[in-house]
Amino acid sequence: MKKSIIALLFISTTTLFAQKLEIIPLGVYGGGDESNLSSYLIGVENTNSYLSLDAGTIRSGINKAIENKTFNATNETILKDYIKGYFISHGHLDHLSGLIINSPEDSHKPIYALPFVIDIFKNNYFTNASWSNFGNEGDSPIIARYTYNRVKPVVPFNINDTPLTAEVFELSHVNPQKSSAILVRNNDEYILYFGDTGADRVEKTNHLNTIWEYIAPLIINKNLQTIMIEVSFSNSQPEDKLYGHLTPNLLIEEIGNLSKYTGKQALENLNIVVTHLKPSGKQIEQIKQELTEGNLFNLNYIFPTQGIKIPL
């Protein structure tokens, strides 16, 4: 009997530690469809505790996830109970409008962001002139639905009510305008999510290089096997009209910069979840083709679908 109990405990513990990070897209586009804008839930399998990576679309994305049987719960339960907080990469509407529109129906939870993003919420969105103040600072009356958590670059912090920890990095999105990326961790597994970003060469910064150097050991050791990064335009878009975004050529250029720290072999089969596609004409098909044809590092490109769990 004692041996049986020990065996069961061992199996339960092993199963617990084997639980992996999962990603559920609530929105995948970078504009052009207000029902499907940048928003991804990240959490540990079978916990129903998620951090929302940006929040361009929330309710429509939850409905899609329910339709696709990704979730077996009501929209209200997922919004109020499953989503434990939000990471907002920058202040553009396609990355936070869903949070604002759904704020009257949401539950109390934190917003994690670099200070410049919190300032945008406080001074531009959660004001009486544009909405109501659902933050915990600023214009009166203060509804305090959300608690502002100003995080510091590359300083780990806990995601409340989840097993997750995270670190945030600054990005350039039409220099000197800023965006940010977040490295999410569960035990020894990491996933890196980028908000909007331009290439270092185009933006004349070294923000991406700083991240590449930082994450290289995690890639080499297979702790980080998934990067979520934007490709907004096809290669036909002139570099002086990218407005702080990437093309397939620029993504490959940046992966080449990453390979200087990891070596080419370590990047083989690395999952690259392509985010922030702009659904204009045949541009998405063109981006997919250009990424496939220019796949110099044998990357595993994943193009997410709203409401369907990403296969990692």
C-alpha atoms as a PDB file:
ATOM      1  CA  MET A   1       0.000   0.000   0.000  1.00  0.00           C
ATOM      2  CA  LYS A   2       2.781   2.396   0.986  1.00  0.00           C
ATOM      3  CA  LYS A   3       4.660   1.665  -2.242  1.00  0.00           C
ATOM      4  CA  SER A   4       1.497   2.322  -4.252  1.00  0.00           C
ATOM      5  CA  ILE A   5       0.989   5.718  -2.617  1.00  0.00           C
ATOM      6  CA  ILE A   6       4.626   6.665  -3.255  1.00  0.00           C
ATOM      7  CA  ALA A   7       4.279   5.586  -6.890  1.00  0.00           C
ATOM      8  CA  LEU A   8       1.116   7.670  -7.322  1.00  0.00           C
ATOM      9  CA  LEU A   9       2.793  10.685  -5.767  1.00  0.00           C
ATOM     10  CA  PHE A  10       5.750  10.253  -8.102  1.00  0.00           C
ATOM     11  CA  ILE A  11       3.497  10.032 -11.151  1.00  0.00           C
ATOM     12  CA  SER A  12       1.509  13.095 -10.050  1.00  0.00           C
ATOM     13  CA  THR A  13       4.668  15.105  -9.424  1.00  0.00           C
ATOM     14  CA  THR A  14       6.166  14.055 -12.751  1.00  0.00           C
ATOM     15  CA  THR A  15       2.954  15.025 -14.560  1.00  0.00           C
ATOM     16  CA  LEU A  16       2.888  18.405 -12.822  1.00  0.00           C
ATOM     17  CA  PHE A  17       6.430  19.261 -13.813  1.00  0.00           C
ATOM     18  CA  ALA A  18       5.824  17.984 -17.348  1.00  0.00           C
ATOM     19  CA  GLN A  19       3.104  20.561 -17.956  1.00  0.00           C
ATOM     20  CA  LYS A  20       4.172  22.851 -20.738  1.00  0.00           C
ATOM     21  CA  LEU A  21       3.515  26.428 -21.665  1.00  0.00           C
ATOM     22  CA  GLU A  22       0.655  26.909 -24.102  1.00  0.00           C
ATOM     23  CA  ILE A  23      -0.404  29.828 -26.290  1.00  0.00           C
ATOM     24  CA  ILE A  24      -3.953  30.607 -27.405  1.00  0.00           C
ATOM     25  CA  PRO A  25      -4.386  33.439 -29.942  1.00  0.00           C
ATOM     26  CA  LEU A  26      -7.290  35.790 -29.343  1.00  0.00           C
ATOM     27  CA  GLY A  27      -6.153  38.031 -32.203  1.00  0.00           C
ATOM     28  CA  VAL A  28      -3.418  37.679 -34.819  1.00  0.00           C
ATOM     29  CA  TYR A  29      -3.544  40.681 -37.172  1.00  0.00           C
ATOM     30  CA  GLY A  30      -1.799  44.027 -36.985  1.00  0.00           C
ATOM     31  CA  GLY A  31      -4.698  46.115 -38.246  1.00  0.00           C
ATOM     32  CA  GLY A  32      -7.479  45.988 -40.822  1.00  0.00           C
ATOM     33  CA  ASP A  33      -9.852  43.791 -38.790  1.00  0.00           C
ATOM     34  CA  GLU A  34     -10.935  45.114 -35.387  1.00  0.00           C
ATOM     35  CA  SER A  35     -12.265  41.671 -34.424  1.00  0.00           C
ATOM     36  CA  ASN A  36      -8.840  40.006 -34.761  1.00  0.00           C
ATOM     37  CA  LEU A  37      -6.056  42.230 -33.386  1.00  0.00           C
ATOM     38  CA  SER A  38      -2.873  41.327 -31.502  1.00  0.00           C
ATOM     39  CA  SER A  39      -3.667  39.331 -28.354  1.00  0.00           C
ATOM     40  CA  TYR A  40      -2.324  35.987 -27.110  1.00  0.00           C
ATOM     41  CA  LEU A  41      -3.033  34.089 -23.912  1.00  0.00           C
ATOM     42  CA  ILE A  42      -0.024  32.321 -22.411  1.00  0.00           C
ATOM     43  CA  GLY A  43      -0.263  29.914 -19.511  1.00  0.00           C
ATOM     44  CA  VAL A  44       0.573  26.450 -18.265  1.00  0.00           C
ATOM     45  CA  GLU A  45      -1.462  23.568 -19.676  1.00  0.00           C
ATOM     46  CA  ASN A  46      -4.525  22.502 -17.676  1.00  0.00           C
ATOM     47  CA  THR A  47      -4.384  25.441 -15.245  1.00  0.00           C
ATOM     48  CA  ASN A  48      -6.822  27.938 -16.832  1.00  0.00           C
ATOM     49  CA  SER A  49      -4.561  30.747 -15.594  1.00  0.00           C
ATOM     50  CA  TYR A  50      -3.306  33.029 -18.343  1.00  0.00           C
ATOM     51  CA  LEU A  51      -1.384  36.219 -18.938  1.00  0.00           C
ATOM     52  CA  SER A  52      -2.667  38.135 -21.962  1.00  0.00           C
ATOM     53  CA  LEU A  53       0.198  39.205 -24.216  1.00  0.00           C
ATOM     54  CA  ASP A  54      -1.259  42.448 -25.546  1.00  0.00           C
ATOM     55  CA  ALA A  55      -5.015  42.929 -25.767  1.00  0.00           C
ATOM     56  CA  GLY A  56      -6.062  44.301 -29.152  1.00  0.00           C
ATOM     57  CA  THR A  57      -8.983  41.871 -29.307  1.00  0.00           C
ATOM     58  CA  ILE A  58     -10.436  40.061 -26.302  1.00  0.00           C
ATOM     59  CA  ARG A  59     -14.149  39.162 -26.487  1.00  0.00           C
ATOM     60  CA  SER A  60     -14.255  38.215 -30.182  1.00  0.00           C
ATOM     61  CA  GLY A  61     -11.154  36.082 -29.700  1.00  0.00           C
ATOM     62  CA  ILE A  62     -12.649  34.303 -26.700  1.00  0.00           C
ATOM     63  CA  ASN A  63     -15.771  33.564 -28.734  1.00  0.00           C
ATOM     64  CA  LYS A  64     -13.613  32.065 -31.499  1.00  0.00           C
ATOM     65  CA  ALA A  65     -11.766  29.934 -28.944  1.00  0.00           C
ATOM     66  CA  ILE A  66     -15.098  28.654 -27.598  1.00  0.00           C
ATOM     67  CA  GLU A  67     -16.347  27.916 -31.138  1.00  0.00           C
ATOM     68  CA  ASN A  68     -13.163  25.942 -31.811  1.00  0.00           C
ATOM     69  CA  LYS A  69     -13.535  24.032 -28.515  1.00  0.00           C
ATOM     70  CA  THR A  70     -10.230  25.427 -27.284  1.00  0.00           C
ATOM     71  CA  PHE A  71     -12.159  26.468 -24.172  1.00  0.00           C
ATOM     72  CA  ASN A  72     -15.142  24.812 -22.551  1.00  0.00           C
ATOM     73  CA  ALA A  73     -16.405  27.767 -20.523  1.00  0.00           C
ATOM     74  CA  THR A  74     -18.434  30.931 -20.970  1.00  0.00           C
ATOM     75  CA  ASN A  75     -17.016  34.154 -22.360  1.00  0.00           C
ATOM     76  CA  GLU A  76     -17.599  35.796 -18.973  1.00  0.00           C
ATOM     77  CA  THR A  77     -15.702  33.078 -17.082  1.00  0.00           C
ATOM     78  CA  ILE A  78     -12.709  33.259 -19.419  1.00  0.00           C
ATOM     79  CA  LEU A  79     -12.592  37.065 -19.323  1.00  0.00           C
ATOM     80  CA  LYS A  80     -13.030  37.409 -15.581  1.00  0.00           C
ATOM     81  CA  ASP A  81     -11.433  34.260 -14.193  1.00  0.00           C
ATOM     82  CA  TYR A  82      -9.013  32.723 -16.695  1.00  0.00           C
ATOM     83  CA  ILE A  83      -7.198  35.926 -17.681  1.00  0.00           C
ATOM     84  CA  LYS A  84      -5.151  36.862 -14.614  1.00  0.00           C
ATOM     85  CA  GLY A  85      -3.490  39.967 -16.024  1.00  0.00           C
ATOM     86  CA  TYR A  86      -2.260  41.793 -19.106  1.00  0.00           C
ATOM     87  CA  PHE A  87       1.163  42.553 -20.525  1.00  0.00           C
ATOM     88  CA  ILE A  88       0.885  45.526 -22.885  1.00  0.00           C
ATOM     89  CA  SER A  89       3.898  46.033 -25.146  1.00  0.00           C
ATOM     90  CA  HIS A  90       3.137  49.597 -26.237  1.00  0.00           C
ATOM     91  CA  GLY A  91       0.361  52.119 -26.474  1.00  0.00           C
ATOM     92  CA  HIS A  92      -1.092  51.585 -29.942  1.00  0.00           C
ATOM     93  CA  LEU A  93      -4.786  50.754 -30.161  1.00  0.00           C
ATOM     94  CA  ASP A  94      -4.319  47.489 -32.054  1.00  0.00           C
ATOM     95  CA  HIS A  95      -2.534  46.172 -28.948  1.00  0.00           C
ATOM     96  CA  LEU A  96      -4.871  47.357 -26.192  1.00  0.00           C
ATOM     97  CA  SER A  97      -8.297  48.380 -27.507  1.00  0.00           C
ATOM     98  CA  GLY A  98      -9.892  45.087 -26.419  1.00  0.00           C
ATOM     99  CA  LEU A  99      -8.797  45.697 -22.839  1.00  0.00           C
ATOM    100  CA  ILE A 100     -10.319  49.175 -22.853  1.00  0.00           C
ATOM    101  CA  ILE A 101     -13.623  48.210 -24.480  1.00  0.00           C
ATOM    102  CA  ASN A 102     -14.112  45.239 -22.135  1.00  0.00           C
ATOM    103  CA  SER A 103     -12.990  47.028 -18.969  1.00  0.00           C
ATOM    104  CA  PRO A 104     -16.551  47.594 -17.635  1.00  0.00           C
ATOM    105  CA  GLU A 105     -17.160  43.810 -17.663  1.00  0.00           C
ATOM    106  CA  ASP A 106     -13.695  42.679 -16.520  1.00  0.00           C
ATOM    107  CA  SER A 107     -12.571  41.658 -13.024  1.00  0.00           C
ATOM    108  CA  HIS A 108      -9.850  43.276 -10.911  1.00  0.00           C
ATOM    109  CA  LYS A 109      -6.420  42.407 -12.273  1.00  0.00           C
ATOM    110  CA  PRO A 110      -2.964  43.866 -12.985  1.00  0.00           C
ATOM    111  CA  ILE A 111      -1.551  45.502 -16.083  1.00  0.00           C
ATOM    112  CA  TYR A 112       2.179  44.800 -16.442  1.00  0.00           C
ATOM    113  CA  ALA A 113       4.127  47.219 -18.611  1.00  0.00           C
ATOM    114  CA  LEU A 114       7.148  49.464 -18.817  1.00  0.00           C
ATOM    115  CA  PRO A 115       6.462  52.901 -17.285  1.00  0.00           C
ATOM    116  CA  PHE A 116       5.957  54.662 -20.634  1.00  0.00           C
ATOM    117  CA  VAL A 117       3.034  52.331 -21.428  1.00  0.00           C
ATOM    118  CA  ILE A 118       1.410  52.905 -18.030  1.00  0.00           C
ATOM    119  CA  ASP A 119       1.691  56.648 -18.645  1.00  0.00           C
ATOM    120  CA  ILE A 120      -0.234  56.238 -21.920  1.00  0.00           C
ATOM    121  CA  PHE A 121      -3.069  54.418 -20.144  1.00  0.00           C
ATOM    122  CA  LYS A 122      -3.117  57.017 -17.380  1.00  0.00           C
ATOM    123  CA  ASN A 123      -2.859  60.124 -19.545  1.00  0.00           C
ATOM    124  CA  ASN A 124      -4.596  59.118 -22.800  1.00  0.00           C
ATOM    125  CA  TYR A 125      -7.017  56.218 -22.432  1.00  0.00           C
ATOM    126  CA  PHE A 126      -8.272  55.842 -18.865  1.00  0.00           C
ATOM    127  CA  THR A 127      -9.302  59.460 -18.569  1.00  0.00           C
ATOM    128  CA  ASN A 128     -12.761  60.949 -18.260  1.00  0.00           C
ATOM    129  CA  ALA A 129     -12.325  62.704 -21.602  1.00  0.00           C
ATOM    130  CA  SER A 130     -11.833  59.499 -23.585  1.00  0.00           C
ATOM    131  CA  TRP A 131     -13.423  56.717 -21.464  1.00  0.00           C
ATOM    132  CA  SER A 132     -13.659  56.215 -17.703  1.00  0.00           C
ATOM    133  CA  ASN A 133     -10.721  55.741 -15.388  1.00  0.00           C
ATOM    134  CA  PHE A 134     -10.548  52.006 -14.839  1.00  0.00           C
ATOM    135  CA  GLY A 135      -6.955  52.360 -13.634  1.00  0.00           C
ATOM    136  CA  ASN A 136      -5.860  52.881 -10.048  1.00  0.00           C
ATOM    137  CA  GLU A 137      -4.245  56.281 -10.655  1.00  0.00           C
ATOM    138  CA  GLY A 138      -5.199  59.505 -12.417  1.00  0.00           C
ATOM    139  CA  ASP A 139      -8.539  61.215 -13.063  1.00  0.00           C
ATOM    140  CA  SER A 140     -11.268  61.033 -10.436  1.00  0.00           C
ATOM    141  CA  PRO A 141     -13.448  59.133 -10.015  1.00  0.00           C
ATOM    142  CA  ILE A 142     -10.961  56.239  -9.917  1.00  0.00           C
ATOM    143  CA  ILE A 143     -12.666  52.916 -10.607  1.00  0.00           C
ATOM    144  CA  ALA A 144      -9.442  50.921  -9.990  1.00  0.00           C
ATOM    145  CA  ARG A 145     -10.484  47.888 -12.019  1.00  0.00           C
ATOM    146  CA  TYR A 146      -6.830  47.523 -13.030  1.00  0.00           C
ATOM    147  CA  THR A 147      -3.685  47.923 -10.973  1.00  0.00           C
ATOM    148  CA  TYR A 148      -0.746  49.461 -12.802  1.00  0.00           C
ATOM    149  CA  ASN A 149       2.441  47.433 -12.385  1.00  0.00           C
ATOM    150  CA  ARG A 150       5.414  49.394 -13.683  1.00  0.00           C
ATOM    151  CA  VAL A 151       8.079  46.806 -14.424  1.00  0.00           C
ATOM    152  CA  LYS A 152      11.755  47.498 -14.947  1.00  0.00           C
ATOM    153  CA  PRO A 153      13.702  46.236 -17.963  1.00  0.00           C
ATOM    154  CA  VAL A 154      15.366  42.831 -17.436  1.00  0.00           C
ATOM    155  CA  VAL A 155      14.193  42.552 -13.821  1.00  0.00           C
ATOM    156  CA  PRO A 156      12.235  39.302 -13.189  1.00  0.00           C
ATOM    157  CA  PHE A 157       8.759  39.572 -11.672  1.00  0.00           C
ATOM    158  CA  ASN A 158       5.921  37.181 -10.848  1.00  0.00           C
ATOM    159  CA  ILE A 159       2.635  37.058 -12.751  1.00  0.00           C
ATOM    160  CA  ASN A 160      -0.009  37.090 -10.021  1.00  0.00           C
ATOM    161  CA  ASP A 161      -2.177  33.966  -9.618  1.00  0.00           C
ATOM    162  CA  THR A 162      -0.117  31.975 -12.142  1.00  0.00           C
ATOM    163  CA  PRO A 163       3.091  29.902 -11.934  1.00  0.00           C
ATOM    164  CA  LEU A 164       4.690  32.264 -14.453  1.00  0.00           C
ATOM    165  CA  THR A 165       7.559  34.711 -14.077  1.00  0.00           C
ATOM    166  CA  ALA A 166       8.706  37.195 -16.691  1.00  0.00           C
ATOM    167  CA  GLU A 167      11.248  39.797 -17.775  1.00  0.00           C
ATOM    168  CA  VAL A 168      10.629  42.733 -20.125  1.00  0.00           C
ATOM    169  CA  PHE A 169      12.945  44.307 -22.704  1.00  0.00           C
ATOM    170  CA  GLU A 170      12.722  47.652 -24.447  1.00  0.00           C
ATOM    171  CA  LEU A 171      12.236  47.792 -28.224  1.00  0.00           C
ATOM    172  CA  SER A 172      12.255  50.507 -30.851  1.00  0.00           C
ATOM    173  CA  HIS A 173       9.056  51.152 -32.831  1.00  0.00           C
ATOM    174  CA  VAL A 174       9.939  54.067 -35.126  1.00  0.00           C
ATOM    175  CA  ASN A 175      12.839  55.433 -33.112  1.00  0.00           C
ATOM    176  CA  PRO A 176      12.545  57.242 -30.686  1.00  0.00           C
ATOM    177  CA  GLN A 177       9.091  55.717 -30.068  1.00  0.00           C
ATOM    178  CA  LYS A 178       9.224  52.628 -27.870  1.00  0.00           C
ATOM    179  CA  SER A 179       7.728  49.179 -27.654  1.00  0.00           C
ATOM    180  CA  SER A 180       8.674  46.120 -25.582  1.00  0.00           C
ATOM    181  CA  ALA A 181       9.142  42.360 -25.513  1.00  0.00           C
ATOM    182  CA  ILE A 182       8.496  39.893 -22.697  1.00  0.00           C
ATOM    183  CA  LEU A 183      10.305  36.664 -21.829  1.00  0.00           C
ATOM    184  CA  VAL A 184       7.852  34.373 -20.010  1.00  0.00           C
ATOM    185  CA  ARG A 185       9.089  31.471 -17.897  1.00  0.00           C
ATOM    186  CA  ASN A 186       7.553  28.345 -16.390  1.00  0.00           C
ATOM    187  CA  ASN A 187      10.135  26.195 -14.584  1.00  0.00           C
ATOM    188  CA  ASP A 188      12.875  25.714 -17.224  1.00  0.00           C
ATOM    189  CA  GLU A 189      10.750  26.562 -20.269  1.00  0.00           C
ATOM    190  CA  TYR A 190      10.685  30.025 -21.836  1.00  0.00           C
ATOM    191  CA  ILE A 191       8.699  31.766 -24.574  1.00  0.00           C
ATOM    192  CA  LEU A 192       9.707  35.168 -25.957  1.00  0.00           C
ATOM    193  CA  TYR A 193       6.998  37.520 -27.237  1.00  0.00           C
ATOM    194  CA  PHE A 194       7.730  40.726 -29.148  1.00  0.00           C
ATOM    195  CA  GLY A 195       5.477  43.716 -29.463  1.00  0.00           C
ATOM    196  CA  ASP A 196       5.933  45.796 -32.600  1.00  0.00           C
ATOM    197  CA  THR A 197       9.580  46.293 -33.460  1.00  0.00           C
ATOM    198  CA  GLY A 198      11.812  47.518 -36.219  1.00  0.00           C
ATOM    199  CA  ALA A 199      15.164  45.992 -37.128  1.00  0.00           C
ATOM    200  CA  ASP A 200      18.211  47.388 -35.350  1.00  0.00           C
ATOM    201  CA  ARG A 201      19.845  48.492 -38.607  1.00  0.00           C
ATOM    202  CA  VAL A 202      16.751  50.392 -39.742  1.00  0.00           C
ATOM    203  CA  GLU A 203      15.939  51.822 -36.299  1.00  0.00           C
ATOM    204  CA  LYS A 204      19.612  52.638 -35.594  1.00  0.00           C
ATOM    205  CA  THR A 205      19.420  50.964 -32.177  1.00  0.00           C
ATOM    206  CA  ASN A 206      20.808  47.810 -30.575  1.00  0.00           C
ATOM    207  CA  HIS A 207      17.682  46.680 -28.705  1.00  0.00           C
ATOM    208  CA  LEU A 208      17.262  43.437 -30.630  1.00  0.00           C
ATOM    209  CA  ASN A 209      20.963  42.645 -30.394  1.00  0.00           C
ATOM    210  CA  THR A 210      20.736  43.025 -26.605  1.00  0.00           C
ATOM    211  CA  ILE A 211      17.900  40.483 -26.534  1.00  0.00           C
ATOM    212  CA  TRP A 212      19.687  38.066 -28.877  1.00  0.00           C
ATOM    213  CA  GLU A 213      22.765  38.039 -26.685  1.00  0.00           C
ATOM    214  CA  TYR A 214      20.618  37.562 -23.565  1.00  0.00           C
ATOM    215  CA  ILE A 215      18.563  34.624 -24.859  1.00  0.00           C
ATOM    216  CA  ALA A 216      21.341  32.793 -26.732  1.00  0.00           C
ATOM    217  CA  PRO A 217      22.210  30.459 -23.809  1.00  0.00           C
ATOM    218  CA  LEU A 218      18.518  29.573 -23.414  1.00  0.00           C
ATOM    219  CA  ILE A 219      18.313  28.578 -27.082  1.00  0.00           C
ATOM    220  CA  ILE A 220      21.541  26.592 -26.978  1.00  0.00           C
ATOM    221  CA  ASN A 221      20.267  24.682 -23.935  1.00  0.00           C
ATOM    222  CA  LYS A 222      16.806  24.142 -25.538  1.00  0.00           C
ATOM    223  CA  ASN A 223      15.035  26.038 -22.749  1.00  0.00           C
ATOM    224  CA  LEU A 224      13.705  28.561 -25.268  1.00  0.00           C
ATOM    225  CA  GLN A 225      12.205  26.923 -28.338  1.00  0.00           C
ATOM    226  CA  THR A 226       9.510  29.450 -29.309  1.00  0.00           C
ATOM    227  CA  ILE A 227       9.792  33.101 -30.332  1.00  0.00           C
ATOM    228  CA  MET A 228       6.707  35.147 -31.199  1.00  0.00           C
ATOM    229  CA  ILE A 229       7.706  38.015 -33.442  1.00  0.00           C
ATOM    230  CA  GLU A 230       6.013  40.301 -35.930  1.00  0.00           C
ATOM    231  CA  VAL A 231       6.320  40.396 -39.702  1.00  0.00           C
ATOM    232  CA  SER A 232       3.942  43.142 -40.785  1.00  0.00           C
ATOM    233  CA  PHE A 233       4.899  43.735 -44.403  1.00  0.00           C
ATOM    234  CA  SER A 234       6.205  41.819 -47.401  1.00  0.00           C
ATOM    235  CA  ASN A 235       9.663  42.513 -48.821  1.00  0.00           C
ATOM    236  CA  SER A 236       8.173  44.942 -51.348  1.00  0.00           C
ATOM    237  CA  GLN A 237       7.588  47.524 -48.599  1.00  0.00           C
ATOM    238  CA  PRO A 238      10.357  50.197 -48.725  1.00  0.00           C
ATOM    239  CA  GLU A 239      12.475  50.358 -45.575  1.00  0.00           C
ATOM    240  CA  ASP A 240      11.695  54.051 -45.134  1.00  0.00           C
ATOM    241  CA  LYS A 241       7.966  53.206 -44.969  1.00  0.00           C
ATOM    242  CA  LEU A 242       8.033  50.332 -42.488  1.00  0.00           C
ATOM    243  CA  TYR A 243       7.005  52.530 -39.542  1.00  0.00           C
ATOM    244  CA  GLY A 244       8.852  50.377 -37.023  1.00  0.00           C
ATOM    245  CA  HIS A 245       7.975  46.933 -38.382  1.00  0.00           C
ATOM    246  CA  LEU A 246       9.686  43.903 -39.918  1.00  0.00           C
ATOM    247  CA  THR A 247       9.633  42.233 -43.327  1.00  0.00           C
ATOM    248  CA  PRO A 248      10.697  38.628 -44.065  1.00  0.00           C
ATOM    249  CA  ASN A 249      14.132  39.863 -45.173  1.00  0.00           C
ATOM    250  CA  LEU A 250      14.586  41.910 -42.008  1.00  0.00           C
ATOM    251  CA  LEU A 251      13.488  39.024 -39.781  1.00  0.00           C
ATOM    252  CA  ILE A 252      16.045  36.767 -41.461  1.00  0.00           C
ATOM    253  CA  GLU A 253      18.648  39.506 -41.040  1.00  0.00           C
ATOM    254  CA  GLU A 254      17.900  39.622 -37.321  1.00  0.00           C
ATOM    255  CA  ILE A 255      17.921  35.816 -36.994  1.00  0.00           C
ATOM    256  CA  GLY A 256      21.350  35.989 -38.611  1.00  0.00           C
ATOM    257  CA  ASN A 257      22.418  38.386 -35.871  1.00  0.00           C
ATOM    258  CA  LEU A 258      21.044  35.934 -33.293  1.00  0.00           C
ATOM    259  CA  SER A 259      23.028  33.098 -34.898  1.00  0.00           C
ATOM    260  CA  LYS A 260      26.261  34.954 -34.144  1.00  0.00           C
ATOM    261  CA  TYR A 261      25.618  34.124 -30.478  1.00  0.00           C
ATOM    262  CA  THR A 262      24.005  30.686 -30.854  1.00  0.00           C
ATOM    263  CA  GLY A 263      25.569  29.190 -33.959  1.00  0.00           C
ATOM    264  CA  LYS A 264      23.397  28.137 -36.901  1.00  0.00           C
ATOM    265  CA  GLN A 265      22.757  24.575 -35.716  1.00  0.00           C
ATOM    266  CA  ALA A 266      21.108  25.652 -32.458  1.00  0.00           C
ATOM    267  CA  LEU A 267      18.450  27.538 -34.437  1.00  0.00           C
ATOM    268  CA  GLU A 268      17.259  24.558 -36.481  1.00  0.00           C
ATOM    269  CA  ASN A 269      13.551  23.850 -35.881  1.00  0.00           C
ATOM    270  CA  LEU A 270      13.216  26.877 -33.589  1.00  0.00           C
ATOM    271  CA  ASN A 271       9.515  27.796 -33.511  1.00  0.00           C
ATOM    272  CA  ILE A 272       8.888  31.251 -34.942  1.00  0.00           C
ATOM    273  CA  VAL A 273       5.265  32.286 -34.404  1.00  0.00           C
ATOM    274  CA  VAL A 274       4.652  35.030 -36.971  1.00  0.00           C
ATOM    275  CA  THR A 275       2.488  37.767 -35.468  1.00  0.00           C
ATOM    276  CA  HIS A 276       1.023  41.131 -36.504  1.00  0.00           C
ATOM    277  CA  LEU A 277       0.384  40.236 -40.142  1.00  0.00           C
ATOM    278  CA  LYS A 278      -1.451  43.040 -41.932  1.00  0.00           C
ATOM    279  CA  PRO A 279      -4.317  41.523 -43.981  1.00  0.00           C
ATOM    280  CA  SER A 280      -4.111  43.803 -47.004  1.00  0.00           C
ATOM    281  CA  GLY A 281      -4.762  42.254 -50.422  1.00  0.00           C
ATOM    282  CA  LYS A 282      -2.501  39.212 -50.923  1.00  0.00           C
ATOM    283  CA  GLN A 283       0.155  40.456 -48.533  1.00  0.00           C
ATOM    284  CA  ILE A 284      -0.170  37.588 -46.033  1.00  0.00           C
ATOM    285  CA  GLU A 285       0.286  34.984 -48.793  1.00  0.00           C
ATOM    286  CA  GLN A 286       3.311  36.928 -50.030  1.00  0.00           C
ATOM    287  CA  ILE A 287       4.848  37.072 -46.546  1.00  0.00           C
ATOM    288  CA  LYS A 288       4.389  33.319 -46.074  1.00  0.00           C
ATOM    289  CA  GLN A 289       6.011  32.613 -49.424  1.00  0.00           C
ATOM    290  CA  GLU A 290       8.951  34.940 -48.760  1.00  0.00           C
ATOM    291  CA  LEU A 291       9.589  33.457 -45.326  1.00  0.00           C
ATOM    292  CA  THR A 292       9.488  29.921 -46.700  1.00  0.00           C
ATOM    293  CA  GLU A 293      11.792  30.699 -49.614  1.00  0.00           C
ATOM    294  CA  GLY A 294      14.251  32.594 -47.412  1.00  0.00           C
ATOM    295  CA  ASN A 295      14.401  30.009 -44.607  1.00  0.00           C
ATOM    296  CA  LEU A 296      18.186  29.899 -44.316  1.00  0.00           C
ATOM    297  CA  PHE A 297      18.175  28.600 -40.745  1.00  0.00           C
ATOM    298  CA  ASN A 298      15.571  25.795 -41.073  1.00  0.00           C
ATOM    299  CA  LEU A 299      13.184  27.580 -38.734  1.00  0.00           C
ATOM    300  CA  ASN A 300       9.722  26.206 -37.994  1.00  0.00           C
ATOM    301  CA  TYR A 301       7.399  29.031 -39.016  1.00  0.00           C
ATOM    302  CA  ILE A 302       3.964  28.981 -37.380  1.00  0.00           C
ATOM    303  CA  PHE A 303       1.125  31.203 -38.598  1.00  0.00           C
ATOM    304  CA  PRO A 304      -1.438  31.369 -35.787  1.00  0.00           C
ATOM    305  CA  THR A 305      -5.204  31.155 -36.233  1.00  0.00           C
ATOM    306  CA  GLN A 306      -7.560  33.079 -33.965  1.00  0.00           C
ATOM    307  CA  GLY A 307      -9.060  30.875 -31.291  1.00  0.00           C
ATOM    308  CA  ILE A 308      -6.925  27.782 -31.976  1.00  0.00           C
ATOM    309  CA  LYS A 309      -4.167  26.700 -29.605  1.00  0.00           C
ATOM    310  CA  ILE A 310      -0.738  27.029 -31.218  1.00  0.00           C
ATOM    311  CA  PRO A 311       0.926  23.621 -31.722  1.00  0.00           C
ATOM    312  CA  LEU A 312       4.381  23.805 -30.143  1.00  0.00           C
END
